[in-house]
Amino acid sequence: KECLDYQMNDSNFCKMIHMRRTLCRKYKLAMNGISESGKAFDRLNEAAPSHLKTEWLARERIAQSSRLNDPSVMDEYEINIKKAPSKKEIELRLLEE
């Protein structure tokens, strides 16, 4: 039992010692990620038409103001990506043409 306690204490001590290094590394990565995300958002924001941005902001305001009474309005944030056709579907479409 004493040997196990010693091992666990030593393990926890080593984790605590190395935690600073790990947290500093993760913090630097997160800070780099924030700047990269900001640049990507700026590029996306510049490319989007202004009438769409206005519409998106209006829809966001509605969702945020109504979310307490009706959680389904938060479906506004769901990603709606059309699924790419499979190889078989492409082949069938080409054969039909």
N, C-alpha and C. Protein backbone atom coordinates (compact mmCIF):
# COMPACT_ATOMS: atom_id res chain seq x y z
N LYS A 1 0.82 -1.19 0.00
CA LYS A 1 0.00 0.00 0.00
C LYS A 1 0.86 1.25 0.00
N GLU A 2 1.93 1.29 0.78
CA GLU A 2 2.79 2.46 0.82
C GLU A 2 3.45 2.70 -0.53
N CYS A 3 3.82 1.61 -1.19
CA CYS A 3 4.46 1.73 -2.50
C CYS A 3 3.48 2.33 -3.51
N LEU A 4 2.23 1.89 -3.45
CA LEU A 4 1.20 2.42 -4.35
C LEU A 4 0.95 3.89 -4.07
N ASP A 5 0.87 4.27 -2.79
CA ASP A 5 0.68 5.68 -2.43
C ASP A 5 1.85 6.52 -2.95
N TYR A 6 3.06 6.01 -2.80
CA TYR A 6 4.23 6.73 -3.27
C TYR A 6 4.16 6.93 -4.79
N GLN A 7 3.79 5.87 -5.50
CA GLN A 7 3.68 5.96 -6.96
C GLN A 7 2.65 6.99 -7.38
N MET A 8 1.48 6.97 -6.73
CA MET A 8 0.41 7.90 -7.07
C MET A 8 0.81 9.34 -6.76
N ASN A 9 1.44 9.55 -5.61
CA ASN A 9 1.89 10.89 -5.25
C ASN A 9 2.94 11.39 -6.23
N ASP A 10 3.85 10.51 -6.59
CA ASP A 10 4.89 10.88 -7.55
C ASP A 10 4.27 11.20 -8.91
N SER A 11 3.30 10.40 -9.32
CA SER A 11 2.63 10.63 -10.60
C SER A 11 1.91 11.98 -10.60
N ASN A 12 1.19 12.26 -9.52
CA ASN A 12 0.49 13.53 -9.42
C ASN A 12 1.45 14.70 -9.37
N PHE A 13 2.56 14.53 -8.69
CA PHE A 13 3.56 15.60 -8.61
C PHE A 13 4.14 15.87 -10.00
N CYS A 14 4.44 14.82 -10.75
CA CYS A 14 4.99 15.00 -12.10
C CYS A 14 3.98 15.69 -13.01
N LYS A 15 2.71 15.33 -12.89
CA LYS A 15 1.67 15.98 -13.69
C LYS A 15 1.62 17.46 -13.37
N MET A 16 1.69 17.78 -12.08
CA MET A 16 1.61 19.17 -11.66
C MET A 16 2.81 19.97 -12.18
N ILE A 17 3.98 19.37 -12.15
CA ILE A 17 5.20 20.06 -12.61
C ILE A 17 5.11 20.34 -14.11
N HIS A 18 4.65 19.36 -14.87
CA HIS A 18 4.60 19.51 -16.32
C HIS A 18 3.35 20.27 -16.80
N MET A 19 2.41 20.52 -15.89
CA MET A 19 1.18 21.20 -16.28
C MET A 19 1.46 22.61 -16.81
N ARG A 20 2.39 23.32 -16.20
CA ARG A 20 2.69 24.68 -16.64
C ARG A 20 3.15 24.70 -18.08
N ARG A 21 4.05 23.81 -18.42
CA ARG A 21 4.57 23.74 -19.78
C ARG A 21 3.45 23.42 -20.77
N THR A 22 2.62 22.45 -20.41
CA THR A 22 1.52 22.06 -21.30
C THR A 22 0.52 23.19 -21.47
N LEU A 23 0.16 23.85 -20.37
CA LEU A 23 -0.81 24.95 -20.46
C LEU A 23 -0.25 26.12 -21.26
N CYS A 24 1.02 26.41 -21.11
CA CYS A 24 1.64 27.50 -21.88
C CYS A 24 1.63 27.16 -23.37
N ARG A 25 1.94 25.93 -23.69
CA ARG A 25 1.94 25.52 -25.10
C ARG A 25 0.53 25.60 -25.69
N LYS A 26 -0.45 25.12 -24.94
CA LYS A 26 -1.83 25.16 -25.42
C LYS A 26 -2.34 26.60 -25.54
N TYR A 27 -1.89 27.46 -24.63
CA TYR A 27 -2.30 28.87 -24.69
C TYR A 27 -1.75 29.52 -25.95
N LYS A 28 -0.48 29.26 -26.27
CA LYS A 28 0.13 29.83 -27.48
C LYS A 28 -0.59 29.33 -28.74
N LEU A 29 -0.92 28.05 -28.76
CA LEU A 29 -1.66 27.50 -29.90
C LEU A 29 -3.04 28.14 -30.02
N ALA A 30 -3.70 28.35 -28.89
CA ALA A 30 -5.03 28.97 -28.92
C ALA A 30 -4.93 30.42 -29.41
N MET A 31 -3.91 31.14 -28.98
CA MET A 31 -3.75 32.53 -29.42
C MET A 31 -3.49 32.59 -30.92
N ASN A 32 -2.69 31.67 -31.44
CA ASN A 32 -2.47 31.61 -32.89
C ASN A 32 -3.77 31.26 -33.61
N GLY A 33 -4.54 30.36 -33.04
CA GLY A 33 -5.81 29.97 -33.63
C GLY A 33 -6.79 31.13 -33.67
N ILE A 34 -6.77 31.96 -32.65
CA ILE A 34 -7.67 33.12 -32.61
C ILE A 34 -7.33 34.08 -33.74
N SER A 35 -6.05 34.36 -33.93
CA SER A 35 -5.68 35.30 -34.99
C SER A 35 -6.00 34.73 -36.38
N GLU A 36 -5.76 33.43 -36.57
CA GLU A 36 -6.08 32.80 -37.84
C GLU A 36 -7.59 32.80 -38.08
N SER A 37 -8.35 32.52 -37.04
CA SER A 37 -9.82 32.53 -37.18
C SER A 37 -10.32 33.93 -37.50
N GLY A 38 -9.71 34.92 -36.87
CA GLY A 38 -10.10 36.30 -37.13
C GLY A 38 -9.85 36.70 -38.57
N LYS A 39 -8.70 36.29 -39.12
CA LYS A 39 -8.38 36.59 -40.52
C LYS A 39 -9.35 35.88 -41.46
N ALA A 40 -9.65 34.61 -41.16
CA ALA A 40 -10.59 33.86 -42.00
C ALA A 40 -11.98 34.49 -41.94
N PHE A 41 -12.40 34.92 -40.76
CA PHE A 41 -13.70 35.57 -40.64
C PHE A 41 -13.74 36.87 -41.43
N ASP A 42 -12.67 37.65 -41.35
CA ASP A 42 -12.62 38.91 -42.10
C ASP A 42 -12.73 38.66 -43.60
N ARG A 43 -12.03 37.64 -44.10
CA ARG A 43 -12.12 37.32 -45.53
C ARG A 43 -13.54 36.90 -45.90
N LEU A 44 -14.15 36.09 -45.06
CA LEU A 44 -15.52 35.64 -45.31
C LEU A 44 -16.50 36.82 -45.24
N ASN A 45 -16.30 37.68 -44.28
CA ASN A 45 -17.17 38.83 -44.09
C ASN A 45 -17.08 39.79 -45.29
N GLU A 46 -15.88 39.97 -45.85
CA GLU A 46 -15.71 40.83 -47.01
C GLU A 46 -16.35 40.22 -48.26
N ALA A 47 -16.33 38.90 -48.35
CA ALA A 47 -16.84 38.23 -49.55
C ALA A 47 -18.37 38.12 -49.56
N ALA A 48 -18.99 38.14 -48.38
CA ALA A 48 -20.45 37.97 -48.31
C ALA A 48 -21.15 39.26 -48.74
N PRO A 49 -22.20 39.13 -49.55
CA PRO A 49 -22.97 40.31 -49.96
C PRO A 49 -23.64 40.98 -48.76
N SER A 50 -23.75 42.29 -48.79
CA SER A 50 -24.28 43.03 -47.64
C SER A 50 -25.74 42.70 -47.35
N HIS A 51 -26.54 42.44 -48.40
CA HIS A 51 -27.95 42.11 -48.14
C HIS A 51 -28.09 40.78 -47.40
N LEU A 52 -27.17 39.82 -47.67
CA LEU A 52 -27.21 38.55 -46.94
C LEU A 52 -26.77 38.74 -45.50
N LYS A 53 -25.76 39.57 -45.28
CA LYS A 53 -25.31 39.82 -43.91
C LYS A 53 -26.42 40.47 -43.09
N THR A 54 -27.15 41.39 -43.69
CA THR A 54 -28.27 42.03 -42.99
C THR A 54 -29.35 41.01 -42.65
N GLU A 55 -29.65 40.13 -43.60
CA GLU A 55 -30.65 39.08 -43.35
C GLU A 55 -30.19 38.14 -42.25
N TRP A 56 -28.92 37.74 -42.28
CA TRP A 56 -28.39 36.83 -41.26
C TRP A 56 -28.45 37.46 -39.88
N LEU A 57 -28.11 38.75 -39.78
CA LEU A 57 -28.16 39.42 -38.48
C LEU A 57 -29.58 39.49 -37.95
N ALA A 58 -30.55 39.75 -38.84
CA ALA A 58 -31.95 39.81 -38.42
C ALA A 58 -32.41 38.44 -37.93
N ARG A 59 -32.04 37.40 -38.65
CA ARG A 59 -32.43 36.04 -38.23
C ARG A 59 -31.77 35.66 -36.91
N GLU A 60 -30.53 36.11 -36.71
CA GLU A 60 -29.84 35.83 -35.46
C GLU A 60 -30.53 36.53 -34.30
N ARG A 61 -30.91 37.79 -34.48
CA ARG A 61 -31.60 38.53 -33.42
C ARG A 61 -32.91 37.85 -33.03
N ILE A 62 -33.64 37.39 -34.03
CA ILE A 62 -34.91 36.69 -33.76
C ILE A 62 -34.65 35.41 -32.97
N ALA A 63 -33.64 34.65 -33.39
CA ALA A 63 -33.33 33.39 -32.70
C ALA A 63 -32.90 33.65 -31.26
N GLN A 64 -32.04 34.64 -31.05
CA GLN A 64 -31.56 34.91 -29.70
C GLN A 64 -32.67 35.43 -28.79
N SER A 65 -33.56 36.25 -29.33
CA SER A 65 -34.61 36.81 -28.48
C SER A 65 -35.72 35.79 -28.18
N SER A 66 -35.89 34.80 -29.04
CA SER A 66 -36.99 33.84 -28.85
C SER A 66 -36.54 32.50 -28.28
N ARG A 67 -35.26 32.33 -28.03
CA ARG A 67 -34.76 31.00 -27.65
C ARG A 67 -35.25 30.51 -26.30
N LEU A 68 -35.55 31.41 -25.37
CA LEU A 68 -36.04 30.97 -24.06
C LEU A 68 -37.44 30.39 -24.15
N ASN A 69 -38.28 31.00 -24.98
CA ASN A 69 -39.66 30.54 -25.11
C ASN A 69 -39.80 29.37 -26.08
N ASP A 70 -38.95 29.36 -27.11
CA ASP A 70 -39.05 28.32 -28.14
C ASP A 70 -37.65 27.89 -28.56
N PRO A 71 -37.10 26.84 -27.94
CA PRO A 71 -35.73 26.41 -28.27
C PRO A 71 -35.54 25.99 -29.73
N SER A 72 -36.64 25.68 -30.42
CA SER A 72 -36.49 25.23 -31.80
C SER A 72 -36.02 26.34 -32.73
N VAL A 73 -36.11 27.61 -32.30
CA VAL A 73 -35.61 28.70 -33.15
C VAL A 73 -34.09 28.65 -33.27
N MET A 74 -33.44 27.92 -32.36
CA MET A 74 -31.99 27.79 -32.42
C MET A 74 -31.55 26.88 -33.56
N ASP A 75 -32.52 26.23 -34.22
CA ASP A 75 -32.20 25.43 -35.40
C ASP A 75 -31.64 26.30 -36.52
N GLU A 76 -31.79 27.60 -36.37
CA GLU A 76 -31.23 28.56 -37.32
C GLU A 76 -29.72 28.36 -37.49
N TYR A 77 -29.09 27.90 -36.42
CA TYR A 77 -27.63 27.72 -36.43
C TYR A 77 -27.20 26.36 -36.97
N GLU A 78 -28.13 25.51 -37.35
CA GLU A 78 -27.80 24.21 -37.94
C GLU A 78 -27.12 24.42 -39.28
N ILE A 79 -26.15 23.61 -39.57
CA ILE A 79 -25.45 23.70 -40.84
C ILE A 79 -26.24 22.92 -41.89
N ASN A 80 -26.57 23.58 -42.97
CA ASN A 80 -27.33 22.94 -44.04
C ASN A 80 -26.42 22.83 -45.27
N ILE A 81 -25.75 21.71 -45.38
CA ILE A 81 -24.85 21.48 -46.50
C ILE A 81 -25.47 20.40 -47.37
N LYS A 82 -25.55 20.70 -48.65
CA LYS A 82 -26.08 19.70 -49.57
C LYS A 82 -25.04 18.60 -49.73
N LYS A 83 -25.50 17.38 -49.65
CA LYS A 83 -24.61 16.23 -49.75
C LYS A 83 -24.19 16.06 -51.20
N ALA A 84 -22.91 15.86 -51.40
CA ALA A 84 -22.38 15.66 -52.75
C ALA A 84 -22.89 14.33 -53.30
N PRO A 85 -23.15 14.27 -54.60
CA PRO A 85 -23.62 13.01 -55.17
C PRO A 85 -22.53 11.94 -55.10
N SER A 86 -22.96 10.72 -54.93
CA SER A 86 -22.00 9.62 -54.87
C SER A 86 -21.50 9.29 -56.28
N LYS A 87 -20.48 8.49 -56.32
CA LYS A 87 -19.91 8.09 -57.61
C LYS A 87 -20.96 7.36 -58.45
N LYS A 88 -21.75 6.50 -57.82
CA LYS A 88 -22.81 5.76 -58.53
C LYS A 88 -23.84 6.71 -59.12
N GLU A 89 -24.25 7.72 -58.32
CA GLU A 89 -25.24 8.68 -58.80
C GLU A 89 -24.72 9.47 -60.00
N ILE A 90 -23.45 9.82 -59.96
CA ILE A 90 -22.85 10.54 -61.09
C ILE A 90 -22.82 9.67 -62.33
N GLU A 91 -22.44 8.41 -62.15
CA GLU A 91 -22.39 7.48 -63.28
C GLU A 91 -23.78 7.30 -63.89
N LEU A 92 -24.80 7.12 -63.03
CA LEU A 92 -26.16 6.95 -63.55
C LEU A 92 -26.65 8.21 -64.29
N ARG A 93 -26.32 9.37 -63.74
CA ARG A 93 -26.73 10.61 -64.40
C ARG A 93 -26.05 10.74 -65.76
N LEU A 94 -24.78 10.39 -65.83
CA LEU A 94 -24.05 10.46 -67.09
C LEU A 94 -24.59 9.46 -68.11
N LEU A 95 -24.99 8.29 -67.63
CA LEU A 95 -25.56 7.27 -68.54
C LEU A 95 -26.91 7.72 -69.08
N GLU A 96 -27.67 8.43 -68.26
CA GLU A 96 -28.99 8.90 -68.69
C GLU A 96 -28.88 10.01 -69.75
N GLU A 97 -27.80 10.76 -69.70
CA GLU A 97 -27.64 11.89 -70.66
C GLU A 97 -27.21 11.45 -71.98
